[in-house]
């Protein structure tokens, strides 16, 4: 895989086929997250790999913000694999969120290389997610990832949209603000 192409072309995929992911693909995705760099090599993560459709549906409902409208995590319900990213309290050590983000990015890039689409899901109801997944009280869940073969294969590497990203000059400041 060409890393520049992956960065430029990877798109979020939220609609998946019903095809399950082979075990070796799931293991490759999880291993990519495990191999991510972390602050002081603390590896602060735990992953819950979810393939059970009923559990994925229940977890998708934990993405509803304020109990109104469609759950922001709706795509988890149609995924072949969901991965819940857990850590100790990120408020105690802000680096944990950055580290979880790196693990998530590594997993998504590994999936992309294998022809698997992915998308992050915000978990706005973490207590409900704890009930659904049964993880210990000292761990926190705010982000889960959905993975699956894209319903529209072209979506996996669609060309960049014009105006889809801010120009570098708009966001970069050299040496000082």
N, C-alpha and C. Protein backbone atom coordinates (compact mmCIF):
# COMPACT_ATOMS: atom_id res chain seq x y z
N UNK A 1 0.85 -1.18 0.00
CA UNK A 1 0.00 0.00 0.00
C UNK A 1 0.89 1.24 0.00
N UNK A 2 0.52 2.19 -0.78
CA UNK A 2 1.18 3.48 -0.81
C UNK A 2 0.51 4.35 0.26
N UNK A 3 1.25 4.78 1.26
CA UNK A 3 0.68 5.53 2.38
C UNK A 3 0.06 6.84 1.90
N UNK A 4 0.72 7.53 0.98
CA UNK A 4 0.16 8.80 0.46
C UNK A 4 -1.20 8.58 -0.18
N UNK A 5 -1.34 7.50 -0.95
CA UNK A 5 -2.64 7.20 -1.55
C UNK A 5 -3.68 6.91 -0.48
N UNK A 6 -3.30 6.15 0.53
CA UNK A 6 -4.24 5.83 1.60
C UNK A 6 -4.72 7.10 2.29
N UNK A 7 -3.82 8.00 2.59
CA UNK A 7 -4.19 9.25 3.26
C UNK A 7 -5.10 10.09 2.37
N UNK A 8 -4.78 10.14 1.09
CA UNK A 8 -5.53 10.99 0.15
C UNK A 8 -6.87 10.39 -0.25
N UNK A 9 -6.94 9.06 -0.36
CA UNK A 9 -8.12 8.44 -0.95
C UNK A 9 -9.08 7.78 0.03
N UNK A 10 -8.63 7.40 1.22
CA UNK A 10 -9.51 6.68 2.14
C UNK A 10 -10.73 7.52 2.51
N UNK A 11 -11.88 6.90 2.44
CA UNK A 11 -13.13 7.57 2.78
C UNK A 11 -13.86 6.77 3.86
N UNK A 12 -14.69 7.45 4.61
CA UNK A 12 -15.53 6.77 5.59
C UNK A 12 -16.57 5.95 4.83
N UNK A 13 -16.77 4.73 5.28
CA UNK A 13 -17.79 3.85 4.71
C UNK A 13 -18.76 3.52 5.83
N UNK A 14 -20.04 3.79 5.59
CA UNK A 14 -21.06 3.57 6.62
C UNK A 14 -22.08 2.51 6.22
N UNK A 15 -22.08 2.11 4.95
CA UNK A 15 -23.03 1.10 4.48
C UNK A 15 -22.24 -0.11 3.98
N UNK A 16 -22.58 -1.26 4.54
CA UNK A 16 -21.81 -2.47 4.30
C UNK A 16 -22.67 -3.57 3.69
N UNK A 17 -22.00 -4.52 3.04
CA UNK A 17 -22.68 -5.72 2.58
C UNK A 17 -22.91 -6.63 3.79
N UNK A 18 -23.65 -7.71 3.58
CA UNK A 18 -23.90 -8.69 4.64
C UNK A 18 -22.74 -9.68 4.79
N UNK A 19 -21.76 -9.60 3.91
CA UNK A 19 -20.65 -10.57 3.90
C UNK A 19 -19.82 -10.44 5.18
N UNK A 20 -19.63 -11.55 5.90
CA UNK A 20 -18.78 -11.49 7.10
C UNK A 20 -17.32 -11.32 6.72
N UNK A 21 -16.54 -10.82 7.64
CA UNK A 21 -15.10 -10.70 7.43
C UNK A 21 -14.43 -12.01 7.85
N UNK A 22 -13.49 -12.50 7.05
CA UNK A 22 -12.75 -13.69 7.47
C UNK A 22 -11.96 -13.41 8.75
N UNK A 23 -11.75 -14.45 9.54
CA UNK A 23 -11.04 -14.29 10.81
C UNK A 23 -9.66 -13.66 10.61
N UNK A 24 -8.94 -14.04 9.55
CA UNK A 24 -7.60 -13.49 9.34
C UNK A 24 -7.65 -11.99 9.06
N UNK A 25 -8.72 -11.52 8.45
CA UNK A 25 -8.88 -10.08 8.21
C UNK A 25 -9.13 -9.36 9.54
N UNK A 26 -10.00 -9.94 10.36
CA UNK A 26 -10.29 -9.34 11.67
C UNK A 26 -9.01 -9.28 12.51
N UNK A 27 -8.25 -10.36 12.52
CA UNK A 27 -7.00 -10.39 13.31
C UNK A 27 -6.01 -9.36 12.77
N UNK A 28 -5.93 -9.21 11.45
CA UNK A 28 -5.01 -8.22 10.86
C UNK A 28 -5.41 -6.80 11.29
N UNK A 29 -6.70 -6.52 11.31
CA UNK A 29 -7.19 -5.19 11.73
C UNK A 29 -6.85 -4.95 13.20
N UNK A 30 -7.15 -5.92 14.05
CA UNK A 30 -6.87 -5.77 15.48
C UNK A 30 -5.37 -5.65 15.75
N UNK A 31 -4.58 -6.43 15.04
CA UNK A 31 -3.12 -6.36 15.22
C UNK A 31 -2.58 -5.00 14.81
N UNK A 32 -3.18 -4.38 13.79
CA UNK A 32 -2.73 -3.04 13.39
C UNK A 32 -2.95 -2.05 14.54
N UNK A 33 -4.10 -2.15 15.22
CA UNK A 33 -4.36 -1.29 16.37
C UNK A 33 -3.40 -1.57 17.51
N UNK A 34 -3.12 -2.83 17.74
CA UNK A 34 -2.20 -3.24 18.80
C UNK A 34 -0.80 -2.70 18.55
N UNK A 35 -0.42 -2.59 17.29
CA UNK A 35 0.93 -2.15 16.92
C UNK A 35 1.07 -0.62 16.86
N UNK A 36 -0.01 0.12 17.09
CA UNK A 36 0.06 1.59 17.03
C UNK A 36 1.02 2.12 18.09
N UNK A 37 1.61 3.25 17.78
CA UNK A 37 2.47 3.88 18.78
C UNK A 37 1.61 4.52 19.86
N UNK A 38 2.19 4.67 21.05
CA UNK A 38 1.47 5.30 22.16
C UNK A 38 2.46 6.06 23.03
N UNK A 39 1.93 7.00 23.78
CA UNK A 39 2.75 7.81 24.66
C UNK A 39 3.53 6.92 25.63
N UNK A 40 4.85 7.04 25.60
CA UNK A 40 5.74 6.27 26.47
C UNK A 40 5.49 4.76 26.36
N UNK A 41 4.99 4.33 25.20
CA UNK A 41 4.69 2.92 24.93
C UNK A 41 3.77 2.31 25.98
N UNK A 42 2.82 3.11 26.49
CA UNK A 42 1.91 2.63 27.52
C UNK A 42 0.86 1.67 26.98
N UNK A 43 0.58 1.75 25.68
CA UNK A 43 -0.43 0.88 25.06
C UNK A 43 -1.70 0.86 25.94
N UNK A 44 -2.35 2.00 26.11
CA UNK A 44 -3.42 2.13 27.10
C UNK A 44 -4.77 1.54 26.69
N UNK A 45 -4.80 0.77 25.64
CA UNK A 45 -6.07 0.34 25.07
C UNK A 45 -6.45 -1.10 25.40
N UNK A 46 -7.75 -1.30 25.32
CA UNK A 46 -8.36 -2.63 25.27
C UNK A 46 -9.34 -2.55 24.12
N UNK A 47 -9.46 -3.62 23.35
CA UNK A 47 -10.40 -3.65 22.24
C UNK A 47 -11.45 -4.73 22.53
N UNK A 48 -12.70 -4.41 22.26
CA UNK A 48 -13.75 -5.43 22.25
C UNK A 48 -14.14 -5.59 20.79
N UNK A 49 -13.84 -6.75 20.22
CA UNK A 49 -14.18 -7.07 18.84
C UNK A 49 -15.57 -7.69 18.83
N UNK A 50 -16.49 -7.09 18.08
CA UNK A 50 -17.89 -7.50 18.12
C UNK A 50 -18.32 -7.94 16.72
N UNK A 51 -18.77 -9.18 16.61
CA UNK A 51 -19.30 -9.68 15.34
C UNK A 51 -20.77 -10.07 15.48
N UNK A 52 -21.28 -10.16 16.70
CA UNK A 52 -22.67 -10.52 16.95
C UNK A 52 -23.58 -9.37 16.52
N UNK A 53 -24.49 -9.65 15.58
CA UNK A 53 -25.35 -8.59 15.00
C UNK A 53 -26.24 -7.93 16.04
N UNK A 54 -26.75 -8.69 17.00
CA UNK A 54 -27.62 -8.10 18.02
C UNK A 54 -26.83 -7.15 18.92
N UNK A 55 -25.62 -7.53 19.28
CA UNK A 55 -24.79 -6.65 20.11
C UNK A 55 -24.41 -5.39 19.31
N UNK A 56 -24.08 -5.55 18.03
CA UNK A 56 -23.76 -4.38 17.19
C UNK A 56 -24.96 -3.44 17.11
N UNK A 57 -26.16 -3.99 16.99
CA UNK A 57 -27.37 -3.16 16.94
C UNK A 57 -27.53 -2.39 18.26
N UNK A 58 -27.37 -3.10 19.38
CA UNK A 58 -27.50 -2.44 20.68
C UNK A 58 -26.44 -1.36 20.87
N UNK A 59 -25.21 -1.64 20.46
CA UNK A 59 -24.15 -0.64 20.60
C UNK A 59 -24.42 0.57 19.71
N UNK A 60 -25.00 0.35 18.54
CA UNK A 60 -25.30 1.47 17.65
C UNK A 60 -26.27 2.45 18.30
N UNK A 61 -27.13 1.95 19.16
CA UNK A 61 -28.10 2.81 19.85
C UNK A 61 -27.45 3.63 20.96
N UNK A 62 -26.23 3.31 21.33
CA UNK A 62 -25.49 4.09 22.34
C UNK A 62 -24.88 5.34 21.73
N UNK A 63 -25.03 5.52 20.43
CA UNK A 63 -24.50 6.69 19.76
C UNK A 63 -25.52 7.80 19.61
N UNK A 64 -26.69 7.62 20.21
CA UNK A 64 -27.73 8.64 20.12
C UNK A 64 -27.41 9.77 21.08
N UNK A 65 -27.42 10.98 20.55
CA UNK A 65 -27.08 12.15 21.36
C UNK A 65 -28.36 12.79 21.88
N UNK A 66 -28.51 12.85 23.17
CA UNK A 66 -29.67 13.53 23.77
C UNK A 66 -30.99 12.81 23.55
N UNK A 67 -30.94 11.57 23.10
CA UNK A 67 -32.18 10.81 22.93
C UNK A 67 -33.05 11.28 21.79
N UNK A 68 -32.52 12.09 20.88
CA UNK A 68 -33.34 12.64 19.80
C UNK A 68 -32.76 12.21 18.45
N UNK A 69 -33.62 11.76 17.58
CA UNK A 69 -33.20 11.49 16.21
C UNK A 69 -32.43 10.19 16.04
N UNK A 70 -31.86 10.05 14.86
CA UNK A 70 -31.13 8.84 14.50
C UNK A 70 -29.80 8.79 15.25
N UNK A 71 -29.47 7.60 15.70
CA UNK A 71 -28.21 7.42 16.42
C UNK A 71 -27.04 7.72 15.50
N UNK A 72 -26.09 8.48 16.00
CA UNK A 72 -24.90 8.82 15.21
C UNK A 72 -24.04 7.59 14.93
N UNK A 73 -24.26 6.54 15.67
CA UNK A 73 -23.48 5.31 15.50
C UNK A 73 -24.28 4.26 14.72
N UNK A 74 -25.28 4.67 13.98
CA UNK A 74 -26.20 3.75 13.28
C UNK A 74 -25.46 2.73 12.41
N UNK A 75 -24.32 3.12 11.84
CA UNK A 75 -23.60 2.24 10.92
C UNK A 75 -23.04 1.00 11.61
N UNK A 76 -22.89 1.03 12.93
CA UNK A 76 -22.42 -0.16 13.65
C UNK A 76 -23.39 -1.33 13.47
N UNK A 77 -24.69 -1.03 13.38
CA UNK A 77 -25.70 -2.08 13.26
C UNK A 77 -25.54 -2.89 11.98
N UNK A 78 -25.01 -2.30 10.93
CA UNK A 78 -24.85 -3.02 9.67
C UNK A 78 -23.45 -3.52 9.42
N UNK A 79 -22.57 -3.35 10.38
CA UNK A 79 -21.17 -3.73 10.21
C UNK A 79 -20.97 -5.24 10.38
N UNK A 80 -19.92 -5.75 9.76
CA UNK A 80 -19.52 -7.14 9.98
C UNK A 80 -18.70 -7.24 11.26
N UNK A 81 -18.04 -6.14 11.62
CA UNK A 81 -17.20 -6.08 12.81
C UNK A 81 -17.31 -4.69 13.42
N UNK A 82 -17.48 -4.66 14.72
CA UNK A 82 -17.36 -3.42 15.47
C UNK A 82 -16.20 -3.58 16.43
N UNK A 83 -15.46 -2.51 16.64
CA UNK A 83 -14.38 -2.55 17.62
C UNK A 83 -14.60 -1.39 18.59
N UNK A 84 -14.82 -1.73 19.85
CA UNK A 84 -14.94 -0.73 20.90
C UNK A 84 -13.54 -0.48 21.44
N UNK A 85 -13.16 0.80 21.53
CA UNK A 85 -11.83 1.20 22.00
C UNK A 85 -11.96 1.70 23.44
N UNK A 86 -11.39 0.95 24.37
CA UNK A 86 -11.51 1.29 25.78
C UNK A 86 -10.16 1.64 26.37
N UNK A 87 -10.20 2.50 27.38
CA UNK A 87 -8.99 2.83 28.14
C UNK A 87 -9.42 3.25 29.54
N UNK A 88 -8.42 3.41 30.40
CA UNK A 88 -8.71 4.03 31.70
C UNK A 88 -9.14 5.46 31.43
N UNK A 89 -9.58 6.16 32.44
CA UNK A 89 -10.16 7.49 32.30
C UNK A 89 -9.26 8.44 31.51
N UNK A 90 -9.69 8.86 30.32
CA UNK A 90 -8.86 9.77 29.53
C UNK A 90 -8.75 11.16 30.15
N UNK A 91 -9.66 11.51 31.05
CA UNK A 91 -9.57 12.81 31.72
C UNK A 91 -8.35 12.87 32.64
N UNK A 92 -7.90 11.72 33.13
CA UNK A 92 -6.73 11.68 34.00
C UNK A 92 -5.43 11.88 33.23
N UNK A 93 -5.42 11.46 31.99
CA UNK A 93 -4.23 11.54 31.15
C UNK A 93 -4.67 11.79 29.72
N UNK A 94 -4.59 13.02 29.28
CA UNK A 94 -5.14 13.39 27.98
C UNK A 94 -4.52 12.61 26.82
N UNK A 95 -3.28 12.11 27.00
CA UNK A 95 -2.61 11.37 25.93
C UNK A 95 -3.37 10.11 25.55
N UNK A 96 -4.16 9.57 26.46
CA UNK A 96 -4.89 8.33 26.17
C UNK A 96 -5.80 8.50 24.96
N UNK A 97 -6.46 9.66 24.85
CA UNK A 97 -7.34 9.88 23.70
C UNK A 97 -6.54 9.92 22.41
N UNK A 98 -5.39 10.56 22.45
CA UNK A 98 -4.52 10.60 21.27
C UNK A 98 -4.07 9.19 20.91
N UNK A 99 -3.67 8.42 21.91
CA UNK A 99 -3.22 7.05 21.68
C UNK A 99 -4.34 6.19 21.09
N UNK A 100 -5.55 6.32 21.63
CA UNK A 100 -6.68 5.58 21.07
C UNK A 100 -6.95 6.00 19.62
N UNK A 101 -6.78 7.29 19.34
CA UNK A 101 -6.95 7.78 17.98
C UNK A 101 -5.94 7.16 17.03
N UNK A 102 -4.72 7.00 17.50
CA UNK A 102 -3.70 6.37 16.64
C UNK A 102 -4.04 4.90 16.40
N UNK A 103 -4.47 4.19 17.44
CA UNK A 103 -4.86 2.79 17.26
C UNK A 103 -6.02 2.70 16.26
N UNK A 104 -6.98 3.62 16.38
CA UNK A 104 -8.12 3.62 15.46
C UNK A 104 -7.66 3.88 14.02
N UNK A 105 -6.77 4.84 13.84
CA UNK A 105 -6.28 5.15 12.49
C UNK A 105 -5.52 3.97 11.89
N UNK A 106 -4.68 3.33 12.68
CA UNK A 106 -3.93 2.17 12.19
C UNK A 106 -4.90 1.06 11.75
N UNK A 107 -5.93 0.80 12.57
CA UNK A 107 -6.89 -0.24 12.22
C UNK A 107 -7.63 0.10 10.92
N UNK A 108 -8.03 1.37 10.79
CA UNK A 108 -8.77 1.77 9.60
C UNK A 108 -7.90 1.71 8.35
N UNK A 109 -6.63 2.07 8.46
CA UNK A 109 -5.74 1.98 7.31
C UNK A 109 -5.47 0.54 6.93
N UNK A 110 -5.29 -0.34 7.92
CA UNK A 110 -5.10 -1.75 7.63
C UNK A 110 -6.34 -2.32 6.94
N UNK A 111 -7.52 -1.94 7.41
CA UNK A 111 -8.76 -2.40 6.80
C UNK A 111 -8.85 -1.93 5.35
N UNK A 112 -8.52 -0.66 5.11
CA UNK A 112 -8.58 -0.09 3.76
C UNK A 112 -7.71 -0.90 2.81
N UNK A 113 -6.51 -1.24 3.27
CA UNK A 113 -5.60 -2.02 2.43
C UNK A 113 -6.19 -3.39 2.08
N UNK A 114 -7.02 -3.93 2.97
CA UNK A 114 -7.64 -5.24 2.76
C UNK A 114 -8.99 -5.16 2.05
N UNK A 115 -9.36 -3.96 1.59
CA UNK A 115 -10.63 -3.79 0.89
C UNK A 115 -11.83 -3.69 1.81
N UNK A 116 -11.59 -3.38 3.06
CA UNK A 116 -12.64 -3.29 4.07
C UNK A 116 -12.86 -1.82 4.42
N UNK A 117 -14.12 -1.40 4.41
CA UNK A 117 -14.46 -0.03 4.77
C UNK A 117 -14.60 0.12 6.27
N UNK A 118 -14.56 1.37 6.73
CA UNK A 118 -14.66 1.62 8.17
C UNK A 118 -15.15 3.03 8.43
N UNK A 119 -15.60 3.23 9.67
CA UNK A 119 -16.03 4.56 10.09
C UNK A 119 -16.04 4.63 11.62
N UNK A 120 -15.56 5.73 12.20
CA UNK A 120 -15.66 5.89 13.66
C UNK A 120 -17.10 6.20 14.07
N UNK A 121 -17.44 5.78 15.27
CA UNK A 121 -18.77 6.05 15.84
C UNK A 121 -18.58 6.64 17.24
N UNK A 122 -19.21 7.76 17.49
CA UNK A 122 -19.17 8.36 18.83
C UNK A 122 -20.17 7.65 19.73
N UNK A 123 -19.74 7.34 20.93
CA UNK A 123 -20.61 6.70 21.91
C UNK A 123 -21.00 7.77 22.92
N UNK A 124 -22.24 8.25 22.80
CA UNK A 124 -22.73 9.32 23.68
C UNK A 124 -23.40 8.79 24.94
N UNK A 125 -23.66 7.50 24.98
CA UNK A 125 -24.28 6.89 26.15
C UNK A 125 -23.36 5.78 26.69
N UNK A 126 -22.23 6.18 27.29
CA UNK A 126 -21.24 5.19 27.72
C UNK A 126 -21.74 4.24 28.80
N UNK A 127 -22.66 4.67 29.65
CA UNK A 127 -23.17 3.77 30.69
C UNK A 127 -24.01 2.66 30.06
N UNK A 128 -24.79 3.01 29.06
CA UNK A 128 -25.58 2.01 28.33
C UNK A 128 -24.63 1.06 27.58
N UNK A 129 -23.58 1.61 26.99
CA UNK A 129 -22.59 0.78 26.29
C UNK A 129 -21.93 -0.21 27.26
N UNK A 130 -21.69 0.24 28.49
CA UNK A 130 -21.10 -0.64 29.51
C UNK A 130 -22.05 -1.81 29.80
N UNK A 131 -23.34 -1.52 29.86
CA UNK A 131 -24.33 -2.58 30.08
C UNK A 131 -24.34 -3.56 28.91
N UNK A 132 -24.27 -3.04 27.71
CA UNK A 132 -24.32 -3.87 26.50
C UNK A 132 -23.08 -4.76 26.41
N UNK A 133 -21.90 -4.19 26.68
CA UNK A 133 -20.65 -4.91 26.46
C UNK A 133 -20.05 -5.54 27.71
N UNK A 134 -20.51 -5.10 28.88
CA UNK A 134 -20.05 -5.72 30.13
C UNK A 134 -18.61 -5.46 30.50
N UNK A 135 -18.06 -4.31 30.12
CA UNK A 135 -16.66 -4.04 30.47
C UNK A 135 -16.55 -3.45 31.88
N UNK A 136 -15.36 -3.57 32.50
CA UNK A 136 -15.18 -3.15 33.90
C UNK A 136 -15.42 -1.65 34.12
N UNK A 137 -15.76 -1.32 35.34
CA UNK A 137 -16.10 0.06 35.71
C UNK A 137 -14.92 1.02 35.60
N UNK A 138 -13.68 0.51 35.63
CA UNK A 138 -12.53 1.41 35.55
C UNK A 138 -12.11 1.71 34.11
N UNK A 139 -12.86 1.22 33.14
CA UNK A 139 -12.57 1.51 31.73
C UNK A 139 -13.65 2.39 31.13
N UNK A 140 -13.26 3.15 30.11
CA UNK A 140 -14.15 4.12 29.48
C UNK A 140 -14.23 3.85 27.98
N UNK A 141 -15.43 4.08 27.43
CA UNK A 141 -15.66 3.90 26.00
C UNK A 141 -16.32 5.16 25.45
N UNK A 142 -15.67 5.77 24.48
CA UNK A 142 -16.23 6.94 23.80
C UNK A 142 -16.28 6.76 22.28
N UNK A 143 -15.42 5.86 21.76
CA UNK A 143 -15.32 5.67 20.32
C UNK A 143 -15.36 4.18 20.00
N UNK A 144 -16.13 3.84 18.98
CA UNK A 144 -16.12 2.49 18.43
C UNK A 144 -15.93 2.64 16.92
N UNK A 145 -15.48 1.58 16.28
CA UNK A 145 -15.26 1.60 14.83
C UNK A 145 -16.14 0.53 14.19
N UNK A 146 -16.71 0.86 13.05
CA UNK A 146 -17.45 -0.14 12.27
C UNK A 146 -16.58 -0.55 11.09
N UNK A 147 -16.63 -1.84 10.75
CA UNK A 147 -15.86 -2.38 9.63
C UNK A 147 -16.75 -3.33 8.82
N UNK A 148 -16.54 -3.34 7.52
CA UNK A 148 -17.25 -4.28 6.66
C UNK A 148 -16.90 -4.02 5.21
N UNK A 149 -17.30 -4.96 4.36
CA UNK A 149 -17.11 -4.74 2.93
C UNK A 149 -18.13 -3.70 2.48
N UNK A 150 -17.68 -2.68 1.75
CA UNK A 150 -18.58 -1.59 1.38
C UNK A 150 -19.70 -2.04 0.45
N UNK A 151 -20.91 -1.54 0.72
CA UNK A 151 -22.04 -1.80 -0.17
C UNK A 151 -21.76 -1.21 -1.55
N UNK A 152 -21.07 -0.08 -1.59
CA UNK A 152 -20.65 0.56 -2.84
C UNK A 152 -19.12 0.56 -2.85
N UNK A 153 -18.53 -0.37 -3.61
CA UNK A 153 -17.07 -0.52 -3.62
C UNK A 153 -16.34 0.76 -3.98
N UNK A 154 -16.94 1.59 -4.84
CA UNK A 154 -16.30 2.84 -5.26
C UNK A 154 -16.12 3.78 -4.06
N UNK A 155 -16.93 3.60 -3.04
CA UNK A 155 -16.87 4.46 -1.85
C UNK A 155 -15.56 4.27 -1.07
N UNK A 156 -14.94 3.12 -1.23
CA UNK A 156 -13.72 2.80 -0.49
C UNK A 156 -12.58 3.76 -0.82
N UNK A 157 -12.51 4.18 -2.07
CA UNK A 157 -11.41 5.06 -2.50
C UNK A 157 -11.91 6.07 -3.51
N UNK A 158 -12.98 6.76 -3.17
CA UNK A 158 -13.53 7.78 -4.06
C UNK A 158 -12.55 8.92 -4.20
N UNK A 159 -12.47 9.53 -5.39
CA UNK A 159 -11.55 10.66 -5.54
C UNK A 159 -11.92 11.79 -4.57
N UNK A 160 -10.93 12.56 -4.15
CA UNK A 160 -11.21 13.67 -3.23
C UNK A 160 -12.23 14.64 -3.83
N UNK A 161 -13.12 15.12 -2.98
CA UNK A 161 -14.11 16.11 -3.41
C UNK A 161 -13.45 17.47 -3.50
N UNK A 162 -13.82 18.23 -4.49
CA UNK A 162 -13.32 19.60 -4.62
C UNK A 162 -13.89 20.41 -3.45
N UNK A 163 -13.03 21.08 -2.76
CA UNK A 163 -13.48 21.87 -1.62
C UNK A 163 -13.75 21.04 -0.38
N UNK A 164 -13.40 19.75 -0.42
CA UNK A 164 -13.67 18.87 0.71
C UNK A 164 -12.73 19.09 1.89
N UNK A 165 -11.58 19.66 1.66
CA UNK A 165 -10.62 19.92 2.72
C UNK A 165 -10.15 21.36 2.65
N UNK A 166 -9.94 21.94 3.81
CA UNK A 166 -9.41 23.31 3.85
C UNK A 166 -8.01 23.32 3.27
N UNK A 167 -7.63 24.41 2.69
CA UNK A 167 -6.29 24.56 2.13
C UNK A 167 -5.25 24.59 3.25
N UNK A 168 -4.07 24.10 2.95
CA UNK A 168 -2.99 24.05 3.93
C UNK A 168 -2.69 25.44 4.50
N UNK A 169 -2.70 26.45 3.65
CA UNK A 169 -2.41 27.82 4.09
C UNK A 169 -3.44 28.34 5.10
N UNK A 170 -4.65 27.81 5.07
CA UNK A 170 -5.70 28.23 6.00
C UNK A 170 -5.46 27.70 7.42
N UNK A 171 -4.75 26.59 7.53
CA UNK A 171 -4.65 25.93 8.83
C UNK A 171 -3.23 25.88 9.39
N UNK A 172 -2.25 26.31 8.60
CA UNK A 172 -0.86 26.21 9.03
C UNK A 172 -0.30 27.58 9.39
N UNK A 173 0.35 27.66 10.52
CA UNK A 173 1.02 28.87 10.96
C UNK A 173 2.49 28.50 11.16
N UNK A 174 3.39 29.29 10.64
CA UNK A 174 4.81 28.96 10.68
C UNK A 174 5.51 29.69 11.82
N UNK A 175 6.11 28.96 12.68
CA UNK A 175 6.91 29.43 13.81
C UNK A 175 6.07 30.08 14.92
N UNK A 176 5.12 30.93 14.58
CA UNK A 176 4.21 31.55 15.56
C UNK A 176 2.87 31.72 14.90
N UNK A 177 1.87 32.06 15.71
CA UNK A 177 0.53 32.31 15.17
C UNK A 177 0.60 33.56 14.36
